[in-house]
Structures are given as structure tokens and as C-alpha cells.
C-alpha atoms as a PDB file:
ATOM      1  CA  UNK A   1    -174.281-106.966-115.439  1.00  0.00           C
ATOM      2  CA  UNK A   2    -170.588-105.906-115.720  1.00  0.00           C
ATOM      3  CA  UNK A   3    -168.618-108.314-117.951  1.00  0.00           C
ATOM      4  CA  UNK A   4    -166.072-110.747-116.389  1.00  0.00           C
ATOM      5  CA  UNK A   5    -162.685-109.113-116.324  1.00  0.00           C
ATOM      6  CA  UNK A   6    -160.433-112.198-116.503  1.00  0.00           C
ATOM      7  CA  UNK A   7    -159.285-111.149-120.004  1.00  0.00           C
ATOM      8  CA  UNK A   8    -157.843-108.020-118.504  1.00  0.00           C
ATOM      9  CA  UNK A   9    -155.603-110.186-116.246  1.00  0.00           C
ATOM     10  CA  UNK A  10    -156.958-109.979-112.743  1.00  0.00           C
ATOM     11  CA  UNK A  11    -155.553-113.104-111.212  1.00  0.00           C
ATOM     12  CA  UNK A  12    -153.893-112.218-107.800  1.00  0.00           C
ATOM     13  CA  UNK A  13    -155.347-110.632-104.737  1.00  0.00           C
ATOM     14  CA  UNK A  14    -153.264-109.378-101.801  1.00  0.00           C
ATOM     15  CA  UNK A  15    -155.032-108.854 -98.547  1.00  0.00           C
ATOM     16  CA  UNK A  16    -153.435-106.974 -95.690  1.00  0.00           C
ATOM     17  CA  UNK A  17    -154.927-108.301 -92.559  1.00  0.00           C
ATOM     18  CA  UNK A  18    -153.253-105.927 -89.987  1.00  0.00           C
ATOM     19  CA  UNK A  19    -151.292-102.684 -90.196  1.00  0.00           C
ATOM     20  CA  UNK A  20    -149.117-103.646 -87.185  1.00  0.00           C
ATOM     21  CA  UNK A  21    -145.722-105.263 -87.232  1.00  0.00           C
ATOM     22  CA  UNK A  22    -143.226-106.561 -84.672  1.00  0.00           C
ATOM     23  CA  UNK A  23    -140.322-104.951 -86.473  1.00  0.00           C
ATOM     24  CA  UNK A  24    -139.423-101.340 -87.482  1.00  0.00           C
ATOM     25  CA  UNK A  25    -137.677-102.004 -90.696  1.00  0.00           C
ATOM     26  CA  UNK A  26    -135.921 -99.157 -92.300  1.00  0.00           C
ATOM     27  CA  UNK A  27    -137.633-100.001 -95.610  1.00  0.00           C
ATOM     28  CA  UNK A  28    -141.259 -99.898 -94.673  1.00  0.00           C
ATOM     29  CA  UNK A  29    -141.768 -99.033 -90.997  1.00  0.00           C
ATOM     30  CA  UNK A  30    -138.831 -96.868 -89.807  1.00  0.00           C
ATOM     31  CA  UNK A  31    -138.799 -96.325 -86.105  1.00  0.00           C
ATOM     32  CA  UNK A  32    -138.655 -92.502 -86.389  1.00  0.00           C
ATOM     33  CA  UNK A  33    -142.097 -92.599 -87.873  1.00  0.00           C
ATOM     34  CA  UNK A  34    -143.693 -95.747 -86.574  1.00  0.00           C
ATOM     35  CA  UNK A  35    -142.515 -95.399 -82.949  1.00  0.00           C
ATOM     36  CA  UNK A  36    -144.400 -95.880 -79.729  1.00  0.00           C
ATOM     37  CA  UNK A  37    -146.592 -92.795 -80.289  1.00  0.00           C
ATOM     38  CA  UNK A  38    -147.810 -93.893 -83.767  1.00  0.00           C
ATOM     39  CA  UNK A  39    -151.491 -94.610 -83.991  1.00  0.00           C
ATOM     40  CA  UNK A  40    -152.114 -97.997 -85.594  1.00  0.00           C
ATOM     41  CA  UNK A  41    -155.597 -99.083 -86.508  1.00  0.00           C
ATOM     42  CA  UNK A  42    -158.074-100.240 -83.740  1.00  0.00           C
ATOM     43  CA  UNK A  43    -159.380-103.715 -84.271  1.00  0.00           C
ATOM     44  CA  UNK A  44    -162.812-102.210 -85.142  1.00  0.00           C
ATOM     45  CA  UNK A  45    -161.150-100.450 -88.100  1.00  0.00           C
ATOM     46  CA  UNK A  46    -159.970-103.760 -89.638  1.00  0.00           C
ATOM     47  CA  UNK A  47    -162.092-105.446 -92.129  1.00  0.00           C
ATOM     48  CA  UNK A  48    -163.955-108.315 -90.412  1.00  0.00           C
ATOM     49  CA  UNK A  49    -163.205-111.802 -91.607  1.00  0.00           C
ATOM     50  CA  UNK A  50    -166.792-112.251 -92.900  1.00  0.00           C
ATOM     51  CA  UNK A  51    -166.372-109.083 -94.912  1.00  0.00           C
ATOM     52  CA  UNK A  52    -163.061-110.485 -96.340  1.00  0.00           C
ATOM     53  CA  UNK A  53    -164.829-113.890 -97.314  1.00  0.00           C
ATOM     54  CA  UNK A  54    -167.461-111.640 -99.270  1.00  0.00           C
ATOM     55  CA  UNK A  55    -164.569-109.924-101.045  1.00  0.00           C
ATOM     56  CA  UNK A  56    -162.803-113.064-101.910  1.00  0.00           C
ATOM     57  CA  UNK A  57    -165.953-114.578-103.258  1.00  0.00           C
ATOM     58  CA  UNK A  58    -166.471-111.438-105.575  1.00  0.00           C
ATOM     59  CA  UNK A  59    -162.789-111.425-106.576  1.00  0.00           C
ATOM     60  CA  UNK A  60    -162.772-115.114-107.605  1.00  0.00           C
ATOM     61  CA  UNK A  61    -165.810-114.442-109.806  1.00  0.00           C
ATOM     62  CA  UNK A  62    -163.539-111.863-111.517  1.00  0.00           C
ATOM     63  CA  UNK A  63    -160.749-114.375-112.220  1.00  0.00           C
ATOM     64  CA  UNK A  64    -158.624-114.319-109.034  1.00  0.00           C
ATOM     65  CA  UNK A  65    -156.929-117.551-108.463  1.00  0.00           C
ATOM     66  CA  UNK A  66    -154.047-116.530-106.169  1.00  0.00           C
ATOM     67  CA  UNK A  67    -154.637-115.014-102.678  1.00  0.00           C
ATOM     68  CA  UNK A  68    -151.688-113.672-100.473  1.00  0.00           C
ATOM     69  CA  UNK A  69    -152.197-112.575 -96.941  1.00  0.00           C
ATOM     70  CA  UNK A  70    -149.897-109.841 -95.780  1.00  0.00           C
ATOM     71  CA  UNK A  71    -149.606-107.026 -93.337  1.00  0.00           C
ATOM     72  CA  UNK A  72    -147.918-105.336 -91.476  1.00  0.00           C
ATOM     73  CA  UNK A  73    -147.254-108.764 -90.064  1.00  0.00           C
ATOM     74  CA  UNK A  74    -150.114-111.063 -90.758  1.00  0.00           C
ATOM     75  CA  UNK A  75    -149.029-113.466 -88.051  1.00  0.00           C
ATOM     76  CA  UNK A  76    -150.088-110.850 -85.397  1.00  0.00           C
ATOM     77  CA  UNK A  77    -153.734-111.026 -86.608  1.00  0.00           C
ATOM     78  CA  UNK A  78    -155.883-112.923 -84.127  1.00  0.00           C
ATOM     79  CA  UNK A  79    -157.821-115.834 -85.614  1.00  0.00           C
ATOM     80  CA  UNK A  80    -155.446-116.150 -88.583  1.00  0.00           C
ATOM     81  CA  UNK A  81    -155.528-119.972 -88.886  1.00  0.00           C
ATOM     82  CA  UNK A  82    -159.346-119.971 -88.463  1.00  0.00           C
ATOM     83  CA  UNK A  83    -159.684-117.450 -91.375  1.00  0.00           C
ATOM     84  CA  UNK A  84    -157.278-119.584 -93.584  1.00  0.00           C
ATOM     85  CA  UNK A  85    -159.523-122.637 -92.837  1.00  0.00           C
ATOM     86  CA  UNK A  86    -162.541-120.673 -94.009  1.00  0.00           C
ATOM     87  CA  UNK A  87    -160.937-119.842 -97.302  1.00  0.00           C
ATOM     88  CA  UNK A  88    -161.010-123.549 -98.118  1.00  0.00           C
ATOM     89  CA  UNK A  89    -164.532-123.079 -99.294  1.00  0.00           C
ATOM     90  CA  UNK A  90    -163.463-121.181-102.411  1.00  0.00           C
ATOM     91  CA  UNK A  91    -162.463-123.907-104.782  1.00  0.00           C
ATOM     92  CA  UNK A  92    -161.262-121.450-107.369  1.00  0.00           C
ATOM     93  CA  UNK A  93    -158.302-120.469-105.277  1.00  0.00           C
ATOM     94  CA  UNK A  94    -155.345-122.383-106.518  1.00  0.00           C
ATOM     95  CA  UNK A  95    -152.633-120.734-104.488  1.00  0.00           C
ATOM     96  CA  UNK A  96    -153.030-119.476-100.980  1.00  0.00           C
ATOM     97  CA  UNK A  97    -149.797-117.751 -99.602  1.00  0.00           C
ATOM     98  CA  UNK A  98    -148.647-115.648 -96.817  1.00  0.00           C
ATOM     99  CA  UNK A  99    -145.816-113.101 -96.516  1.00  0.00           C
ATOM    100  CA  UNK A 100    -144.089-112.836 -93.220  1.00  0.00           C
ATOM    101  CA  UNK A 101    -140.986-111.470 -91.439  1.00  0.00           C
ATOM    102  CA  UNK A 102    -140.618-114.963 -89.998  1.00  0.00           C
ATOM    103  CA  UNK A 103    -140.315-113.994 -86.344  1.00  0.00           C
ATOM    104  CA  UNK A 104    -143.344-116.179 -85.323  1.00  0.00           C
ATOM    105  CA  UNK A 105    -143.213-118.659 -88.213  1.00  0.00           C
ATOM    106  CA  UNK A 106    -141.491-121.492 -86.492  1.00  0.00           C
ATOM    107  CA  UNK A 107    -144.151-121.722 -83.730  1.00  0.00           C
ATOM    108  CA  UNK A 108    -147.107-121.259 -86.119  1.00  0.00           C
ATOM    109  CA  UNK A 109    -146.069-123.110 -89.331  1.00  0.00           C
ATOM    110  CA  UNK A 110    -147.881-126.363 -88.437  1.00  0.00           C
ATOM    111  CA  UNK A 111    -151.029-124.640 -87.492  1.00  0.00           C
ATOM    112  CA  UNK A 112    -151.084-122.808 -90.698  1.00  0.00           C
ATOM    113  CA  UNK A 113    -150.323-125.762 -92.933  1.00  0.00           C
ATOM    114  CA  UNK A 114    -153.048-127.766 -91.260  1.00  0.00           C
ATOM    115  CA  UNK A 115    -155.499-124.892 -91.801  1.00  0.00           C
ATOM    116  CA  UNK A 116    -154.734-124.974 -95.443  1.00  0.00           C
ATOM    117  CA  UNK A 117    -152.020-122.528 -96.260  1.00  0.00           C
ATOM    118  CA  UNK A 118    -149.993-123.550 -99.289  1.00  0.00           C
ATOM    119  CA  UNK A 119    -146.765-121.568 -99.089  1.00  0.00           C
ATOM    120  CA  UNK A 120    -144.983-118.652 -97.391  1.00  0.00           C
ATOM    121  CA  UNK A 121    -142.596-115.951 -98.544  1.00  0.00           C
ATOM    122  CA  UNK A 122    -140.208-114.772 -95.848  1.00  0.00           C
ATOM    123  CA  UNK A 123    -138.427-111.471 -95.907  1.00  0.00           C
ATOM    124  CA  UNK A 124    -134.714-111.591 -95.090  1.00  0.00           C
ATOM    125  CA  UNK A 125    -132.274-108.945 -96.132  1.00  0.00           C
ATOM    126  CA  UNK A 126    -128.954-109.994 -94.636  1.00  0.00           C
ATOM    127  CA  UNK A 127    -127.210-112.831 -93.003  1.00  0.00           C
ATOM    128  CA  UNK A 128    -124.729-110.680 -91.121  1.00  0.00           C
ATOM    129  CA  UNK A 129    -126.297-110.340 -87.676  1.00  0.00           C
ATOM    130  CA  UNK A 130    -125.492-106.712 -87.048  1.00  0.00           C
ATOM    131  CA  UNK A 131    -126.574-105.527 -90.471  1.00  0.00           C
ATOM    132  CA  UNK A 132    -129.738-107.536 -90.297  1.00  0.00           C
ATOM    133  CA  UNK A 133    -130.497-106.183 -86.796  1.00  0.00           C
ATOM    134  CA  UNK A 134    -129.898-102.645 -88.056  1.00  0.00           C
ATOM    135  CA  UNK A 135    -132.064-103.145 -91.038  1.00  0.00           C
ATOM    136  CA  UNK A 136    -135.117-104.629 -89.143  1.00  0.00           C
ATOM    137  CA  UNK A 137    -134.816-102.022 -86.488  1.00  0.00           C
ATOM    138  CA  UNK A 138    -134.904-104.244 -83.573  1.00  0.00           C
ATOM    139  CA  UNK A 139    -131.423-105.779 -83.410  1.00  0.00           C
ATOM    140  CA  UNK A 140    -132.661-109.128 -84.291  1.00  0.00           C
ATOM    141  CA  UNK A 141    -130.233-111.467 -86.098  1.00  0.00           C
ATOM    142  CA  UNK A 142    -131.236-113.860 -88.994  1.00  0.00           C
ATOM    143  CA  UNK A 143    -131.232-117.002 -86.763  1.00  0.00           C
ATOM    144  CA  UNK A 144    -134.943-116.704 -85.738  1.00  0.00           C
ATOM    145  CA  UNK A 145    -135.942-116.131 -89.405  1.00  0.00           C
ATOM    146  CA  UNK A 146    -133.868-119.081 -90.532  1.00  0.00           C
ATOM    147  CA  UNK A 147    -135.505-121.247 -87.857  1.00  0.00           C
ATOM    148  CA  UNK A 148    -138.935-120.103 -89.112  1.00  0.00           C
ATOM    149  CA  UNK A 149    -137.971-121.033 -92.626  1.00  0.00           C
ATOM    150  CA  UNK A 150    -136.956-124.601 -91.537  1.00  0.00           C
ATOM    151  CA  UNK A 151    -140.152-124.853 -89.532  1.00  0.00           C
ATOM    152  CA  UNK A 152    -142.142-124.008 -92.573  1.00  0.00           C
ATOM    153  CA  UNK A 153    -140.371-126.472 -94.628  1.00  0.00           C
ATOM    154  CA  UNK A 154    -141.006-129.285 -91.998  1.00  0.00           C
ATOM    155  CA  UNK A 155    -144.548-128.483 -91.907  1.00  0.00           C
ATOM    156  CA  UNK A 156    -144.907-129.065 -95.602  1.00  0.00           C
ATOM    157  CA  UNK A 157    -145.210-125.478 -96.751  1.00  0.00           C
ATOM    158  CA  UNK A 158    -143.425-124.235 -99.920  1.00  0.00           C
ATOM    159  CA  UNK A 159    -141.093-121.386 -99.131  1.00  0.00           C
ATOM    160  CA  UNK A 160    -139.557-118.488-100.920  1.00  0.00           C
ATOM    161  CA  UNK A 161    -137.293-115.769 -99.578  1.00  0.00           C
ATOM    162  CA  UNK A 162    -137.353-112.089-100.540  1.00  0.00           C
ATOM    163  CA  UNK A 163    -134.272-109.866-100.184  1.00  0.00           C
ATOM    164  CA  UNK A 164    -134.495-106.231-100.650  1.00  0.00           C
ATOM    165  CA  UNK A 165    -131.258-104.899-102.113  1.00  0.00           C
ATOM    166  CA  UNK A 166    -130.162-101.156-101.333  1.00  0.00           C
ATOM    167  CA  UNK A 167    -126.975 -99.769-102.576  1.00  0.00           C
ATOM    168  CA  UNK A 168    -124.682 -98.787 -99.715  1.00  0.00           C
ATOM    169  CA  UNK A 169    -126.445-100.912 -97.311  1.00  0.00           C
ATOM    170  CA  UNK A 170    -126.660-104.614 -98.104  1.00  0.00           C
ATOM    171  CA  UNK A 171    -125.430-105.325-101.580  1.00  0.00           C
ATOM    172  CA  UNK A 172    -122.577-107.131 -99.981  1.00  0.00           C
ATOM    173  CA  UNK A 173    -125.081-109.785 -98.810  1.00  0.00           C
ATOM    174  CA  UNK A 174    -126.149-110.768-102.303  1.00  0.00           C
ATOM    175  CA  UNK A 175    -123.537-113.566-102.735  1.00  0.00           C
ATOM    176  CA  UNK A 176    -123.800-114.936 -99.075  1.00  0.00           C
ATOM    177  CA  UNK A 177    -127.519-115.026 -99.443  1.00  0.00           C
ATOM    178  CA  UNK A 178    -127.338-116.781-102.827  1.00  0.00           C
ATOM    179  CA  UNK A 179    -124.875-119.392-101.569  1.00  0.00           C
ATOM    180  CA  UNK A 180    -127.127-120.261 -98.592  1.00  0.00           C
ATOM    181  CA  UNK A 181    -130.418-120.623-100.337  1.00  0.00           C
ATOM    182  CA  UNK A 182    -128.873-122.342-103.338  1.00  0.00           C
ATOM    183  CA  UNK A 183    -127.499-124.937-100.927  1.00  0.00           C
ATOM    184  CA  UNK A 184    -130.886-125.202 -99.263  1.00  0.00           C
ATOM    185  CA  UNK A 185    -132.709-125.451-102.476  1.00  0.00           C
ATOM    186  CA  UNK A 186    -134.918-122.565-101.638  1.00  0.00           C
ATOM    187  CA  UNK A 187    -135.927-119.951-104.258  1.00  0.00           C
ATOM    188  CA  UNK A 188    -134.383-116.477-103.406  1.00  0.00           C
ATOM    189  CA  UNK A 189    -135.859-113.211-104.992  1.00  0.00           C
ATOM    190  CA  UNK A 190    -133.818-110.140-105.210  1.00  0.00           C
ATOM    191  CA  UNK A 191    -135.909-106.994-105.067  1.00  0.00           C
ATOM    192  CA  UNK A 192    -134.775-103.643-106.323  1.00  0.00           C
ATOM    193  CA  UNK A 193    -135.198-100.859-103.841  1.00  0.00           C
ATOM    194  CA  UNK A 194    -138.482 -99.134-104.565  1.00  0.00           C
ATOM    195  CA  UNK A 195    -140.066 -95.901-103.506  1.00  0.00           C
ATOM    196  CA  UNK A 196    -143.016 -97.457-101.637  1.00  0.00           C
ATOM    197  CA  UNK A 197    -144.595 -95.496 -98.881  1.00  0.00           C
ATOM    198  CA  UNK A 198    -143.428 -91.988 -97.931  1.00  0.00           C
ATOM    199  CA  UNK A 199    -140.447 -92.395 -95.513  1.00  0.00           C
ATOM    200  CA  UNK A 200    -137.910 -94.909 -96.862  1.00  0.00           C
ATOM    201  CA  UNK A 201    -135.552 -92.127 -98.317  1.00  0.00           C
ATOM    202  CA  UNK A 202    -135.666 -93.600-101.879  1.00  0.00           C
ATOM    203  CA  UNK A 203    -133.413 -92.196-104.502  1.00  0.00           C
ATOM    204  CA  UNK A 204    -132.534 -93.749-107.942  1.00  0.00           C
ATOM    205  CA  UNK A 205    -128.819 -93.924-107.127  1.00  0.00           C
ATOM    206  CA  UNK A 206    -129.640 -96.224-104.243  1.00  0.00           C
ATOM    207  CA  UNK A 207    -131.016 -98.775-106.611  1.00  0.00           C
ATOM    208  CA  UNK A 208    -128.973-101.908-107.428  1.00  0.00           C
ATOM    209  CA  UNK A 209    -130.507-102.972-110.701  1.00  0.00           C
ATOM    210  CA  UNK A 210    -131.391-106.445-111.692  1.00  0.00           C
ATOM    211  CA  UNK A 211    -128.674-106.426-114.374  1.00  0.00           C
ATOM    212  CA  UNK A 212    -126.117-105.449-111.744  1.00  0.00           C
ATOM    213  CA  UNK A 213    -127.292-108.365-109.458  1.00  0.00           C
ATOM    214  CA  UNK A 214    -127.062-110.873-112.328  1.00  0.00           C
ATOM    215  CA  UNK A 215    -123.527-109.787-113.126  1.00  0.00           C
ATOM    216  CA  UNK A 216    -122.519-110.154-109.626  1.00  0.00           C
ATOM    217  CA  UNK A 217    -124.123-113.624-109.263  1.00  0.00           C
ATOM    218  CA  UNK A 218    -122.347-114.681-112.532  1.00  0.00           C
ATOM    219  CA  UNK A 219    -118.987-114.290-110.765  1.00  0.00           C
ATOM    220  CA  UNK A 220    -119.696-117.361-108.634  1.00  0.00           C
ATOM    221  CA  UNK A 221    -122.646-119.234-110.295  1.00  0.00           C
ATOM    222  CA  UNK A 222    -123.791-120.616-113.620  1.00  0.00           C
ATOM    223  CA  UNK A 223    -127.509-120.105-114.338  1.00  0.00           C
ATOM    224  CA  UNK A 224    -129.970-119.913-117.167  1.00  0.00           C
ATOM    225  CA  UNK A 225    -133.272-118.070-117.564  1.00  0.00           C
ATOM    226  CA  UNK A 226    -136.600-119.971-116.912  1.00  0.00           C
ATOM    227  CA  UNK A 227    -139.005-117.109-117.418  1.00  0.00           C
ATOM    228  CA  UNK A 228    -137.994-113.485-117.899  1.00  0.00           C
ATOM    229  CA  UNK A 229    -141.051-112.031-119.535  1.00  0.00           C
ATOM    230  CA  UNK A 230    -142.764-110.923-116.335  1.00  0.00           C
ATOM    231  CA  UNK A 231    -146.051-111.660-118.008  1.00  0.00           C
ATOM    232  CA  UNK A 232    -148.338-112.984-115.288  1.00  0.00           C
ATOM    233  CA  UNK A 233    -145.304-113.210-113.085  1.00  0.00           C
ATOM    234  CA  UNK A 234    -143.644-110.524-111.053  1.00  0.00           C
ATOM    235  CA  UNK A 235    -140.297-112.040-110.815  1.00  0.00           C
ATOM    236  CA  UNK A 236    -138.002-112.867-113.732  1.00  0.00           C
ATOM    237  CA  UNK A 237    -136.945-116.352-112.951  1.00  0.00           C
ATOM    238  CA  UNK A 238    -133.645-118.074-113.317  1.00  0.00           C
ATOM    239  CA  UNK A 239    -132.262-121.479-112.323  1.00  0.00           C
ATOM    240  CA  UNK A 240    -128.815-122.639-111.480  1.00  0.00           C
ATOM    241  CA  UNK A 241    -127.455-125.125-114.068  1.00  0.00           C
ATOM    242  CA  UNK A 242    -126.792-127.694-111.598  1.00  0.00           C
ATOM    243  CA  UNK A 243    -130.422-127.979-110.683  1.00  0.00           C
ATOM    244  CA  UNK A 244    -129.950-126.974-107.166  1.00  0.00           C
ATOM    245  CA  UNK A 245    -132.407-124.109-106.957  1.00  0.00           C
ATOM    246  CA  UNK A 246    -133.800-121.198-108.696  1.00  0.00           C
ATOM    247  CA  UNK A 247    -133.878-117.466-108.084  1.00  0.00           C
ATOM    248  CA  UNK A 248    -135.637-114.460-109.310  1.00  0.00           C
ATOM    249  CA  UNK A 249    -135.412-110.671-109.834  1.00  0.00           C
ATOM    250  CA  UNK A 250    -138.222-108.279-109.241  1.00  0.00           C
ATOM    251  CA  UNK A 251    -137.141-105.237-111.240  1.00  0.00           C
ATOM    252  CA  UNK A 252    -140.012-102.861-111.053  1.00  0.00           C
ATOM    253  CA  UNK A 253    -137.588 -99.863-111.084  1.00  0.00           C
ATOM    254  CA  UNK A 254    -135.240-100.679-113.987  1.00  0.00           C
ATOM    255  CA  UNK A 255    -137.611-102.880-116.052  1.00  0.00           C
ATOM    256  CA  UNK A 256    -141.235-101.939-115.046  1.00  0.00           C
ATOM    257  CA  UNK A 257    -144.034-104.243-115.859  1.00  0.00           C
ATOM    258  CA  UNK A 258    -147.194-102.189-115.130  1.00  0.00           C
ATOM    259  CA  UNK A 259    -148.891-103.302-118.449  1.00  0.00           C
ATOM    260  CA  UNK A 260    -148.650-106.986-117.070  1.00  0.00           C
ATOM    261  CA  UNK A 261    -149.892-106.270-113.585  1.00  0.00           C
ATOM    262  CA  UNK A 262    -152.466-108.763-112.328  1.00  0.00           C
ATOM    263  CA  UNK A 263    -152.687-107.690-108.757  1.00  0.00           C
ATOM    264  CA  UNK A 264    -155.371-106.049-106.798  1.00  0.00           C
ATOM    265  CA  UNK A 265    -154.726-105.160-103.023  1.00  0.00           C
ATOM    266  CA  UNK A 266    -156.976-104.668-100.133  1.00  0.00           C
ATOM    267  CA  UNK A 267    -155.595-102.582 -97.212  1.00  0.00           C
ATOM    268  CA  UNK A 268    -155.985-103.317 -93.557  1.00  0.00           C
ATOM    269  CA  UNK A 269    -158.714-100.693 -93.246  1.00  0.00           C
ATOM    270  CA  UNK A 270    -160.634-101.927 -96.401  1.00  0.00           C
ATOM    271  CA  UNK A 271    -159.398 -99.753 -99.216  1.00  0.00           C
ATOM    272  CA  UNK A 272    -159.067-101.252-102.747  1.00  0.00           C
ATOM    273  CA  UNK A 273    -155.671-100.263-104.453  1.00  0.00           C
ATOM    274  CA  UNK A 274    -154.837-101.233-108.019  1.00  0.00           C
ATOM    275  CA  UNK A 275    -151.197-100.209-107.712  1.00  0.00           C
ATOM    276  CA  UNK A 276    -148.456-100.622-105.073  1.00  0.00           C
ATOM    277  CA  UNK A 277    -147.603 -96.885-105.400  1.00  0.00           C
ATOM    278  CA  UNK A 278    -151.168 -95.519-105.356  1.00  0.00           C
ATOM    279  CA  UNK A 279    -151.992 -92.353-103.654  1.00  0.00           C
ATOM    280  CA  UNK A 280    -155.557 -93.249-102.822  1.00  0.00           C
ATOM    281  CA  UNK A 281    -157.878 -96.233-102.788  1.00  0.00           C
ATOM    282  CA  UNK A 282    -161.558 -97.113-103.245  1.00  0.00           C
ATOM    283  CA  UNK A 283    -163.417 -97.441 -99.925  1.00  0.00           C
ATOM    284  CA  UNK A 284    -164.752-101.062 -99.728  1.00  0.00           C
ATOM    285  CA  UNK A 285    -165.292-101.206 -96.030  1.00  0.00           C
ATOM    286  CA  UNK A 286    -167.937 -98.302 -96.165  1.00  0.00           C
ATOM    287  CA  UNK A 287    -169.665-100.123 -99.045  1.00  0.00           C
ATOM    288  CA  UNK A 288    -169.697-103.416 -97.333  1.00  0.00           C
ATOM    289  CA  UNK A 289    -171.368-101.872 -94.247  1.00  0.00           C
ATOM    290  CA  UNK A 290    -173.946 -99.749 -96.228  1.00  0.00           C
ATOM    291  CA  UNK A 291    -177.392-100.390 -97.217  1.00  0.00           C
ATOM    292  CA  UNK A 292    -176.278-100.519-100.846  1.00  0.00           C
ATOM    293  CA  UNK A 293    -174.342-103.650-100.316  1.00  0.00           C
ATOM    294  CA  UNK A 294    -175.253-106.923-101.998  1.00  0.00           C
ATOM    295  CA  UNK A 295    -172.958-109.579-103.397  1.00  0.00           C
ATOM    296  CA  UNK A 296    -173.930-108.650-106.927  1.00  0.00           C
ATOM    297  CA  UNK A 297    -173.427-104.981-106.340  1.00  0.00           C
ATOM    298  CA  UNK A 298    -170.014-105.707-104.790  1.00  0.00           C
ATOM    299  CA  UNK A 299    -169.024-107.835-107.790  1.00  0.00           C
ATOM    300  CA  UNK A 300    -169.988-105.043-110.210  1.00  0.00           C
ATOM    301  CA  UNK A 301    -168.211-102.427-108.191  1.00  0.00           C
ATOM    302  CA  UNK A 302    -164.999-104.392-108.271  1.00  0.00           C
ATOM    303  CA  UNK A 303    -165.269-105.283-111.947  1.00  0.00           C
ATOM    304  CA  UNK A 304    -166.019-101.746-112.954  1.00  0.00           C
ATOM    305  CA  UNK A 305    -162.905-100.431-110.958  1.00  0.00           C
ATOM    306  CA  UNK A 306    -160.443-102.906-112.376  1.00  0.00           C
ATOM    307  CA  UNK A 307    -161.712-102.375-115.855  1.00  0.00           C
ATOM    308  CA  UNK A 308    -160.805 -98.648-115.797  1.00  0.00           C
ATOM    309  CA  UNK A 309    -157.495 -99.045-113.998  1.00  0.00           C
ATOM    310  CA  UNK A 310    -154.636 -97.062-115.682  1.00  0.00           C
ATOM    311  CA  UNK A 311    -151.887 -97.123-113.067  1.00  0.00           C
ATOM    312  CA  UNK A 312    -148.338 -97.092-114.413  1.00  0.00           C
ATOM    313  CA  UNK A 313    -146.256 -95.341-111.716  1.00  0.00           C
ATOM    314  CA  UNK A 314    -143.306 -97.579-112.438  1.00  0.00           C
ATOM    315  CA  UNK A 315    -143.173 -96.806-116.061  1.00  0.00           C
ATOM    316  CA  UNK A 316    -143.255 -93.063-115.510  1.00  0.00           C
ATOM    317  CA  UNK A 317    -141.035 -92.918-112.451  1.00  0.00           C
ATOM    318  CA  UNK A 318    -137.950 -90.742-112.683  1.00  0.00           C
ATOM    319  CA  UNK A 319    -135.750 -89.030-110.116  1.00  0.00           C
ATOM    320  CA  UNK A 320    -137.838 -85.986-110.680  1.00  0.00           C
ATOM    321  CA  UNK A 321    -141.265 -87.597-110.350  1.00  0.00           C
ATOM    322  CA  UNK A 322    -143.459 -85.515-107.976  1.00  0.00           C
ATOM    323  CA  UNK A 323    -143.734 -87.057-104.605  1.00  0.00           C
ATOM    324  CA  UNK A 324    -147.396 -87.479-103.753  1.00  0.00           C
ATOM    325  CA  UNK A 325    -148.455 -89.247-100.492  1.00  0.00           C
ATOM    326  CA  UNK A 326    -148.531 -92.907-101.411  1.00  0.00           C
ATOM    327  CA  UNK A 327    -150.178 -95.621 -99.431  1.00  0.00           C
ATOM    328  CA  UNK A 328    -147.996 -96.970 -96.642  1.00  0.00           C
ATOM    329  CA  UNK A 329    -146.456-100.513 -96.849  1.00  0.00           C
ATOM    330  CA  UNK A 330    -147.950-101.239 -93.431  1.00  0.00           C
ATOM    331  CA  UNK A 331    -151.399-100.840 -94.845  1.00  0.00           C
ATOM    332  CA  UNK A 332    -150.912-102.542 -98.241  1.00  0.00           C
ATOM    333  CA  UNK A 333    -148.271-105.312 -97.554  1.00  0.00           C
ATOM    334  CA  UNK A 334    -146.312-105.068-100.930  1.00  0.00           C
END
């Protein structure tokens, strides 16, 4: 029997349900790569929901208490609400969340809340319609996403908003976004531009650091830290001193936190990744469909893999870091 790994910090599991998306964002799915001829996974290549339940059961034994459903765009996965309803059986899950681009959220929020979803994180990078349309690759303005956010709140779901900030692209949207979501009382998290995947053209000089974002926010807002340690938390958290809302910074480039990472990730095709920037994963789909599989064998396989993890890409990243083929965001979901 492999010893339980909760002492090693495994608390969060991210499950990518589908590699497909209804946007072609410049950050994770640029149209020149993920165009009409790109081969996405067939349904038979996705992990089945029954297999995902087996994985969740094993991961909760290892200490996982937070499960996040991602993509691609998870709202495109058929049977999503039924799958969420089935996750209710796992009493150890304290936080069940979903990350979405928000395009279908308004029409699905009530169904997801009823199924048992706790909260959603919505990606929105600009309020300017032209800029937002250019960044999402489909010319779609922010109105449909904002409607989805309000639909989620009306359905009783907690909401956070993620904004990816890239120098020379949307840093001028930091203050407008902060104003809007402060007024709405919705937590907004600013994310440093990261070199995820293989096609987003990342360079260090395109990163607007968390320190720069704080300095800009301070020109208009008074705020104070809540939790800036990143221990067990990805975002460094702050709150406005008038109590209206909070915001966060995800600073994996300028202030990496590999040593505190608590996340395991399952890709849409059933690979286990212990790092967002990994170049390869551990095949779980093949194992789940093999004669070697048993619940106990799966538990021991996962525990052994987490115990020996040594990923620290963000801590060793430099402009000169060799560029290996990293897992694509459409497979791993962030």
C-alpha cells in the first residue's frame, strides 16, 4: 500500500472534459493553428464519465477536496449536468467549480447550479468590444459574457473573473475591468501572460508583472492584502478597503510558486499532468482500460506519481529556457 499523500499538498484536481472550444483565442487556441482543418479528439478518445468517476474516487483518497471542470470549453461536452450530478456521491469534494468562456453560461447556469455546481470562473480579457473580439478570435464582444456572469449569479453560483494581461495588447483594460467588477462585487483575478502551450508567441517582455498591475490599480483604488503567500492558493488576494470586492494576482512568471503547487490535471484524452507546463503526461486512459486496472491499483499508481513529482518550470524559466513541446491549453485547461 502506498502511503497517503495529503501531507505533500495534493488538494486540487482539474479535469479537462473536452479539447474543443467555440472561440479561437490568441492566447490558447490561435486560429492559424486551430483552424477548420485541425483534428480535435473524437468522442471515443475522451475519457468516459465512468472512468472520470473512478479517477475522482482515487484522487479524493489522496487528499483532493477541490475539483474544477475545464476544457477546451466544458459547456460543449454532452452530458455535463448529469456528470456534475454524479459527482455529488463524493462527500470529500468541498468545492466543485467550472472554468468557462461564458458564451453558453446564461442558458446553462440554472441547470448547472441545480446539478450541484458550486461556482464558475469566467474568462474575460477586455471590455472594449473591438479588442475583446480580436482577442477571442471570433469578433464577439463582452456583452454575451457579462450576461452569462449575471445569469450565473442569479442561479446562485459564486463567480470569479479571470483576465489575462499581455503588454501591448490589453493592459489598458486593467482599470476599466477593475472598476466594473469592483462595482459588481465580483472577484477579478489578473493573470500574468504565461508561456503555456506552443503557439502564443510568449516573450518575457510581453509580461505585465503583478507588481506593475498593483501600481496601476493604486492610482485609482485603495486596497490591502488578504493573503499574498500563495501557499495552497494560486492567487495573491487583496481587498478594496471600502469592502466592495476583492481581486487577485496570479504571478507564476514574476513570482513562481512551484513549491506550493497542489494541483493535478487530467487532460481530455486521459493523461495525468503534474505541471501546467509539462511536456508529457502519464497515460491513465490506457491503464483504466487494461486488465491491470483495479481501484486499488489506480490509487497506488496516482499516489506514486504525485510523490515523485519534481516539476518547477516556472522557477527555472528564463527568456533563454529551451522550448520543448508543452501540452496544449486546449487539452489541459489551465
